[in-house]
Amino acid sequence: MNEMLSYCGLLCNNCPVFLADRESNSIKKQKMKSEIVSMCKEHYGLNYNLNDINSCDGCTSDSGQLFTGCKNCGIRKCVIQKGLNNCAYCEDYACDKLLSLFESDPAAKLRLDFIRTSIY
């Protein structure tokens, strides 16, 4: 599977929501969704239920199938509003929202930094 880079540098195809959506075993899929609900509460203080863990084709997708968290993502909204491919193309790189994300996922910064080296 090709890597699907999100606007903020995360890999959508490594996202637990993306993976759960594609799980064919219904029992395993429910277990994965339950784990996502727990993880969202524990790590992000978000109170999702199993129905919130919906189909998602990645945050850059035009399909309309987006995880609730992606639909409400401030970084995603900002990139779309600015008409950019991702945050690496932004003149305000790296903003406070992005720096906060990089604390929990330093690999996202590495991906975006790599893109920026090819731009500038």
N, C-alpha and C. Protein backbone atom coordinates (compact mmCIF):
# COMPACT_ATOMS: atom_id res chain seq x y z
N MET A 1 0.84 -1.18 0.00
CA MET A 1 0.00 0.00 0.00
C MET A 1 0.89 1.24 0.00
N ASN A 2 0.57 2.20 -0.83
CA ASN A 2 1.31 3.45 -0.86
C ASN A 2 1.01 4.27 0.38
N GLU A 3 1.99 5.08 0.78
CA GLU A 3 1.78 5.94 1.93
C GLU A 3 0.80 7.05 1.56
N MET A 4 -0.12 7.31 2.47
CA MET A 4 -1.10 8.38 2.30
C MET A 4 -0.77 9.45 3.33
N LEU A 5 -0.12 10.51 2.89
CA LEU A 5 0.30 11.57 3.80
C LEU A 5 -0.86 12.52 4.08
N SER A 6 -1.09 12.75 5.36
CA SER A 6 -2.12 13.70 5.76
C SER A 6 -1.59 15.12 5.60
N TYR A 7 -2.45 16.09 5.80
CA TYR A 7 -2.04 17.49 5.70
C TYR A 7 -0.95 17.84 6.72
N CYS A 8 -1.00 17.21 7.88
CA CYS A 8 -0.07 17.55 8.97
C CYS A 8 1.17 16.67 9.01
N GLY A 9 1.28 15.72 8.11
CA GLY A 9 2.47 14.87 8.07
C GLY A 9 2.27 13.47 8.64
N LEU A 10 1.10 13.20 9.21
CA LEU A 10 0.82 11.84 9.67
C LEU A 10 0.56 10.95 8.46
N LEU A 11 0.68 9.66 8.65
CA LEU A 11 0.38 8.71 7.58
C LEU A 11 -1.03 8.16 7.81
N CYS A 12 -1.95 8.55 6.96
CA CYS A 12 -3.35 8.13 7.11
C CYS A 12 -3.47 6.60 7.08
N ASN A 13 -2.69 5.96 6.22
CA ASN A 13 -2.84 4.50 6.11
C ASN A 13 -2.23 3.74 7.29
N ASN A 14 -1.64 4.45 8.25
CA ASN A 14 -1.19 3.84 9.51
C ASN A 14 -2.14 4.17 10.66
N CYS A 15 -3.15 4.98 10.38
CA CYS A 15 -4.10 5.43 11.39
C CYS A 15 -4.98 4.26 11.83
N PRO A 16 -5.18 4.09 13.14
CA PRO A 16 -6.05 3.01 13.61
C PRO A 16 -7.47 3.07 13.05
N VAL A 17 -8.00 4.27 12.84
CA VAL A 17 -9.36 4.41 12.28
C VAL A 17 -9.38 3.90 10.84
N PHE A 18 -8.40 4.31 10.07
CA PHE A 18 -8.28 3.87 8.68
C PHE A 18 -8.17 2.35 8.61
N LEU A 19 -7.34 1.77 9.48
CA LEU A 19 -7.13 0.32 9.49
C LEU A 19 -8.38 -0.43 9.94
N ALA A 20 -9.05 0.08 10.96
CA ALA A 20 -10.27 -0.57 11.45
C ALA A 20 -11.35 -0.56 10.38
N ASP A 21 -11.43 0.53 9.64
CA ASP A 21 -12.43 0.65 8.58
C ASP A 21 -12.24 -0.43 7.51
N ARG A 22 -11.02 -0.85 7.31
CA ARG A 22 -10.72 -1.83 6.27
C ARG A 22 -10.65 -3.28 6.77
N GLU A 23 -10.85 -3.47 8.06
CA GLU A 23 -10.82 -4.81 8.63
C GLU A 23 -12.06 -5.59 8.20
N SER A 24 -11.84 -6.79 7.64
CA SER A 24 -12.96 -7.59 7.15
C SER A 24 -13.60 -8.46 8.24
N ASN A 25 -12.86 -8.83 9.26
CA ASN A 25 -13.39 -9.64 10.35
C ASN A 25 -14.18 -8.74 11.29
N SER A 26 -15.49 -8.95 11.38
CA SER A 26 -16.36 -8.05 12.15
C SER A 26 -16.03 -8.04 13.65
N ILE A 27 -15.63 -9.17 14.19
CA ILE A 27 -15.28 -9.22 15.62
C ILE A 27 -14.00 -8.42 15.86
N LYS A 28 -13.02 -8.62 15.02
CA LYS A 28 -11.77 -7.88 15.15
C LYS A 28 -12.00 -6.38 14.93
N LYS A 29 -12.87 -6.06 13.98
CA LYS A 29 -13.19 -4.65 13.68
C LYS A 29 -13.79 -3.97 14.91
N GLN A 30 -14.74 -4.63 15.59
CA GLN A 30 -15.36 -4.07 16.79
C GLN A 30 -14.33 -3.87 17.90
N LYS A 31 -13.42 -4.84 18.03
CA LYS A 31 -12.37 -4.74 19.04
C LYS A 31 -11.46 -3.54 18.73
N MET A 32 -11.11 -3.38 17.47
CA MET A 32 -10.26 -2.26 17.07
C MET A 32 -10.96 -0.93 17.37
N LYS A 33 -12.24 -0.85 17.06
CA LYS A 33 -12.99 0.37 17.32
C LYS A 33 -13.05 0.68 18.82
N SER A 34 -13.25 -0.35 19.63
CA SER A 34 -13.27 -0.17 21.09
C SER A 34 -11.93 0.37 21.59
N GLU A 35 -10.86 -0.16 21.04
CA GLU A 35 -9.52 0.31 21.42
C GLU A 35 -9.31 1.77 21.01
N ILE A 36 -9.85 2.15 19.87
CA ILE A 36 -9.73 3.54 19.41
C ILE A 36 -10.49 4.47 20.34
N VAL A 37 -11.70 4.08 20.73
CA VAL A 37 -12.49 4.88 21.66
C VAL A 37 -11.72 5.09 22.96
N SER A 38 -11.13 4.03 23.49
CA SER A 38 -10.34 4.12 24.72
C SER A 38 -9.12 5.01 24.54
N MET A 39 -8.41 4.84 23.43
CA MET A 39 -7.21 5.63 23.15
C MET A 39 -7.55 7.12 23.03
N CYS A 40 -8.64 7.43 22.35
CA CYS A 40 -9.03 8.84 22.17
C CYS A 40 -9.34 9.48 23.52
N LYS A 41 -10.00 8.73 24.41
CA LYS A 41 -10.32 9.26 25.74
C LYS A 41 -9.06 9.42 26.57
N GLU A 42 -8.23 8.40 26.59
CA GLU A 42 -7.04 8.40 27.43
C GLU A 42 -6.00 9.43 26.98
N HIS A 43 -5.73 9.48 25.69
CA HIS A 43 -4.64 10.33 25.20
C HIS A 43 -5.07 11.75 24.82
N TYR A 44 -6.33 11.90 24.40
CA TYR A 44 -6.77 13.19 23.89
C TYR A 44 -7.95 13.80 24.63
N GLY A 45 -8.50 13.04 25.61
CA GLY A 45 -9.64 13.54 26.37
C GLY A 45 -10.92 13.66 25.55
N LEU A 46 -11.00 12.90 24.46
CA LEU A 46 -12.16 12.95 23.57
C LEU A 46 -13.11 11.80 23.92
N ASN A 47 -14.37 12.12 24.05
CA ASN A 47 -15.36 11.13 24.44
C ASN A 47 -16.14 10.63 23.23
N TYR A 48 -15.51 9.78 22.45
CA TYR A 48 -16.17 9.17 21.31
C TYR A 48 -16.84 7.89 21.74
N ASN A 49 -17.84 7.47 20.94
CA ASN A 49 -18.43 6.15 21.14
C ASN A 49 -18.15 5.34 19.87
N LEU A 50 -18.53 4.09 19.87
CA LEU A 50 -18.23 3.20 18.73
C LEU A 50 -18.78 3.74 17.41
N ASN A 51 -19.93 4.39 17.44
CA ASN A 51 -20.51 4.92 16.21
C ASN A 51 -19.71 6.09 15.63
N ASP A 52 -18.90 6.74 16.47
CA ASP A 52 -18.06 7.85 15.99
C ASP A 52 -16.86 7.34 15.19
N ILE A 53 -16.52 6.09 15.37
CA ILE A 53 -15.39 5.50 14.66
C ILE A 53 -15.93 4.98 13.34
N ASN A 54 -15.99 5.89 12.39
CA ASN A 54 -16.67 5.64 11.13
C ASN A 54 -15.68 5.45 9.98
N SER A 55 -16.20 5.31 8.80
CA SER A 55 -15.37 5.13 7.62
C SER A 55 -14.52 6.37 7.37
N CYS A 56 -13.28 6.14 6.97
CA CYS A 56 -12.38 7.26 6.69
C CYS A 56 -11.44 6.84 5.57
N ASP A 57 -11.37 7.69 4.56
CA ASP A 57 -10.48 7.45 3.43
C ASP A 57 -9.22 8.31 3.50
N GLY A 58 -8.96 8.91 4.65
CA GLY A 58 -7.80 9.77 4.82
C GLY A 58 -8.21 11.23 4.72
N CYS A 59 -7.52 12.09 5.45
CA CYS A 59 -7.98 13.48 5.57
C CYS A 59 -7.87 14.29 4.29
N THR A 60 -7.11 13.83 3.33
CA THR A 60 -7.00 14.58 2.07
C THR A 60 -7.97 14.06 1.00
N SER A 61 -8.74 13.06 1.35
CA SER A 61 -9.66 12.43 0.41
C SER A 61 -10.84 13.33 0.07
N ASP A 62 -11.32 13.20 -1.14
CA ASP A 62 -12.51 13.93 -1.59
C ASP A 62 -13.77 13.07 -1.47
N SER A 63 -13.63 11.86 -0.93
CA SER A 63 -14.75 10.92 -0.91
C SER A 63 -15.87 11.33 0.03
N GLY A 64 -15.57 12.18 0.99
CA GLY A 64 -16.57 12.55 2.00
C GLY A 64 -16.59 11.62 3.18
N GLN A 65 -15.82 10.53 3.11
CA GLN A 65 -15.74 9.59 4.23
C GLN A 65 -14.56 9.99 5.11
N LEU A 66 -14.88 10.71 6.19
CA LEU A 66 -13.85 11.18 7.10
C LEU A 66 -14.22 10.84 8.53
N PHE A 67 -13.22 10.45 9.29
CA PHE A 67 -13.37 10.23 10.71
C PHE A 67 -13.81 11.55 11.35
N THR A 68 -14.64 11.49 12.35
CA THR A 68 -15.13 12.67 13.05
C THR A 68 -13.98 13.59 13.46
N GLY A 69 -12.91 13.02 13.98
CA GLY A 69 -11.76 13.82 14.40
C GLY A 69 -11.11 14.55 13.23
N CYS A 70 -11.10 13.93 12.07
CA CYS A 70 -10.53 14.57 10.87
C CYS A 70 -11.43 15.71 10.40
N LYS A 71 -12.74 15.49 10.43
CA LYS A 71 -13.67 16.53 10.00
C LYS A 71 -13.52 17.80 10.83
N ASN A 72 -13.21 17.62 12.11
CA ASN A 72 -13.12 18.75 13.03
C ASN A 72 -11.69 19.24 13.26
N CYS A 73 -10.74 18.73 12.52
CA CYS A 73 -9.33 19.06 12.73
C CYS A 73 -9.02 20.48 12.28
N GLY A 74 -8.50 21.29 13.18
CA GLY A 74 -8.15 22.67 12.87
C GLY A 74 -7.03 22.78 11.86
N ILE A 75 -6.07 21.86 11.91
CA ILE A 75 -4.96 21.87 10.96
C ILE A 75 -5.50 21.58 9.56
N ARG A 76 -6.34 20.58 9.46
CA ARG A 76 -6.94 20.22 8.16
C ARG A 76 -7.72 21.40 7.58
N LYS A 77 -8.54 22.02 8.41
CA LYS A 77 -9.33 23.17 7.95
C LYS A 77 -8.43 24.30 7.46
N CYS A 78 -7.34 24.55 8.17
CA CYS A 78 -6.41 25.61 7.81
C CYS A 78 -5.76 25.35 6.45
N VAL A 79 -5.27 24.13 6.24
CA VAL A 79 -4.62 23.79 4.98
C VAL A 79 -5.59 23.91 3.81
N ILE A 80 -6.81 23.41 3.99
CA ILE A 80 -7.81 23.51 2.94
C ILE A 80 -8.14 24.97 2.64
N GLN A 81 -8.32 25.76 3.70
CA GLN A 81 -8.64 27.18 3.53
C GLN A 81 -7.52 27.91 2.76
N LYS A 82 -6.28 27.53 3.02
CA LYS A 82 -5.15 28.17 2.35
C LYS A 82 -4.88 27.58 0.97
N GLY A 83 -5.55 26.48 0.64
CA GLY A 83 -5.39 25.85 -0.67
C GLY A 83 -4.03 25.20 -0.86
N LEU A 84 -3.49 24.62 0.21
CA LEU A 84 -2.15 24.01 0.16
C LEU A 84 -2.24 22.49 0.03
N ASN A 85 -1.14 21.88 -0.41
CA ASN A 85 -1.07 20.41 -0.45
C ASN A 85 -0.97 19.83 0.94
N ASN A 86 -0.19 20.46 1.79
CA ASN A 86 -0.03 20.08 3.19
C ASN A 86 0.69 21.20 3.92
N CYS A 87 0.95 21.03 5.19
CA CYS A 87 1.55 22.08 6.01
C CYS A 87 2.96 22.45 5.57
N ALA A 88 3.66 21.57 4.89
CA ALA A 88 5.02 21.87 4.45
C ALA A 88 5.06 23.07 3.51
N TYR A 89 3.97 23.34 2.84
CA TYR A 89 3.90 24.43 1.86
C TYR A 89 3.50 25.77 2.49
N CYS A 90 3.24 25.79 3.77
CA CYS A 90 2.72 26.98 4.43
C CYS A 90 3.84 27.94 4.82
N GLU A 91 3.59 29.22 4.61
CA GLU A 91 4.58 30.24 4.99
C GLU A 91 4.68 30.36 6.51
N ASP A 92 3.69 29.87 7.25
CA ASP A 92 3.71 29.91 8.71
C ASP A 92 4.22 28.61 9.34
N TYR A 93 4.84 27.77 8.53
CA TYR A 93 5.36 26.48 9.02
C TYR A 93 6.48 26.75 10.02
N ALA A 94 6.50 26.13 11.10
CA ALA A 94 5.53 25.29 11.76
C ALA A 94 4.81 26.11 12.82
N CYS A 95 3.50 26.16 12.70
CA CYS A 95 2.67 26.92 13.63
C CYS A 95 2.55 26.18 14.97
N ASP A 96 1.94 26.84 15.94
CA ASP A 96 1.80 26.24 17.27
C ASP A 96 1.02 24.93 17.26
N LYS A 97 -0.06 24.86 16.44
CA LYS A 97 -0.84 23.62 16.37
C LYS A 97 0.02 22.48 15.87
N LEU A 98 0.84 22.78 14.88
CA LEU A 98 1.69 21.75 14.29
C LEU A 98 2.79 21.34 15.28
N LEU A 99 3.36 22.30 15.96
CA LEU A 99 4.40 21.99 16.94
C LEU A 99 3.86 21.09 18.04
N SER A 100 2.63 21.32 18.43
CA SER A 100 1.99 20.47 19.44
C SER A 100 1.85 19.04 18.92
N LEU A 101 1.46 18.90 17.67
CA LEU A 101 1.33 17.57 17.06
C LEU A 101 2.70 16.88 16.99
N PHE A 102 3.73 17.63 16.64
CA PHE A 102 5.07 17.07 16.50
C PHE A 102 5.58 16.48 17.82
N GLU A 103 5.10 17.01 18.95
CA GLU A 103 5.50 16.47 20.25
C GLU A 103 5.04 15.02 20.39
N SER A 104 3.86 14.72 19.87
CA SER A 104 3.34 13.35 19.99
C SER A 104 3.72 12.47 18.80
N ASP A 105 4.08 13.09 17.67
CA ASP A 105 4.48 12.31 16.50
C ASP A 105 5.62 13.01 15.75
N PRO A 106 6.86 12.85 16.25
CA PRO A 106 8.01 13.51 15.63
C PRO A 106 8.24 13.08 14.18
N ALA A 107 7.77 11.91 13.80
CA ALA A 107 7.94 11.44 12.42
C ALA A 107 7.16 12.32 11.44
N ALA A 108 6.06 12.90 11.90
CA ALA A 108 5.29 13.81 11.04
C ALA A 108 6.14 15.02 10.67
N LYS A 109 6.90 15.53 11.64
CA LYS A 109 7.80 16.66 11.37
C LYS A 109 8.86 16.27 10.36
N LEU A 110 9.43 15.10 10.51
CA LEU A 110 10.46 14.64 9.57
C LEU A 110 9.92 14.56 8.15
N ARG A 111 8.70 14.07 8.00
CA ARG A 111 8.10 13.96 6.67
C ARG A 111 7.89 15.34 6.05
N LEU A 112 7.34 16.26 6.84
CA LEU A 112 7.08 17.60 6.31
C LEU A 112 8.39 18.36 6.07
N ASP A 113 9.36 18.18 6.95
CA ASP A 113 10.67 18.82 6.73
C ASP A 113 11.30 18.33 5.43
N PHE A 114 11.16 17.06 5.15
CA PHE A 114 11.71 16.49 3.91
C PHE A 114 11.04 17.14 2.69
N ILE A 115 9.73 17.29 2.75
CA ILE A 115 9.01 17.95 1.65
C ILE A 115 9.49 19.38 1.49
N ARG A 116 9.66 20.08 2.61
CA ARG A 116 10.10 21.48 2.55
C ARG A 116 11.48 21.61 1.89
N THR A 117 12.35 20.63 2.08
CA THR A 117 13.68 20.71 1.47
C THR A 117 13.59 20.64 -0.06
N SER A 118 12.56 19.98 -0.57
CA SER A 118 12.42 19.91 -2.01
C SER A 118 11.69 21.13 -2.59
N ILE A 119 11.02 21.89 -1.72
CA ILE A 119 10.29 23.07 -2.16
C ILE A 119 11.20 24.30 -2.20
N TYR A 120 11.99 24.46 -1.13
CA TYR A 120 12.76 25.68 -0.96
C TYR A 120 14.24 25.46 -1.17
